[in-house]
Amino acid sequence: MPGLIGLAVILLVFALVTYILGAQGIEGLSMNIAKWRAIIFVVLAIISYIF
């Protein structure tokens, strides 16, 4: 899964694993990065659909 959405999914899975293992600092950072990558993907998808 290349691209922004693939990286967002990988970071989301990483955040879930670190949350289960109890590393809240790393989990929060990974979740934040995954969230912003997913938002950027959606915005770019909408822009490419319009144009």
Protein backbone atom coordinates (compact mmCIF):
# COMPACT_ATOMS: atom_id res chain seq x y z
CA MET A 1 0.00 0.00 0.00
CA PRO A 2 2.13 2.89 -1.15
CA GLY A 3 1.23 6.51 -0.66
CA LEU A 4 -0.29 8.60 2.08
CA ILE A 5 -3.14 6.28 2.95
CA GLY A 6 -0.83 3.29 3.21
CA LEU A 7 1.47 5.11 5.60
CA ALA A 8 -1.51 6.27 7.63
CA VAL A 9 -2.75 2.68 7.97
CA ILE A 10 0.72 1.45 8.97
CA LEU A 11 1.04 4.19 11.59
CA LEU A 12 -2.46 3.45 12.88
CA VAL A 13 -1.57 -0.22 13.36
CA PHE A 14 1.69 0.80 15.04
CA ALA A 15 -0.23 3.14 17.36
CA LEU A 16 -2.64 0.36 18.32
CA VAL A 17 0.22 -2.07 19.06
CA THR A 18 2.10 0.46 21.18
CA TYR A 19 -1.12 1.29 23.04
CA ILE A 20 -1.62 -2.38 23.87
CA LEU A 21 2.00 -2.63 25.05
CA GLY A 22 1.57 0.47 27.22
CA ALA A 23 3.81 3.04 25.49
CA GLN A 24 1.41 6.00 25.51
CA GLY A 25 3.97 8.58 24.33
CA ILE A 26 4.82 6.70 21.15
CA GLU A 27 1.18 5.75 20.64
CA GLY A 28 0.04 9.36 20.80
CA LEU A 29 2.67 10.52 18.35
CA SER A 30 1.91 7.70 15.88
CA MET A 31 -1.83 8.32 16.11
CA ASN A 32 -1.34 12.05 15.52
CA ILE A 33 0.82 11.44 12.44
CA ALA A 34 -1.62 8.84 11.08
CA LYS A 35 -4.55 11.21 11.61
CA TRP A 36 -2.88 14.05 9.72
CA ARG A 37 -1.79 11.78 6.87
CA ALA A 38 -5.35 10.52 6.50
CA ILE A 39 -6.69 14.10 6.48
CA ILE A 40 -4.14 15.12 3.85
CA PHE A 41 -5.10 12.08 1.76
CA VAL A 42 -8.80 12.97 1.88
CA VAL A 43 -8.14 16.61 0.98
CA LEU A 44 -5.91 15.64 -1.94
CA ALA A 45 -8.45 13.07 -3.13
CA ILE A 46 -11.22 15.69 -3.12
CA ILE A 47 -9.01 18.20 -4.95
CA SER A 48 -8.03 15.64 -7.60
CA TYR A 49 -11.68 14.64 -8.03
CA ILE A 50 -12.73 18.25 -8.58
CA PHE A 51 -9.97 19.02 -11.04
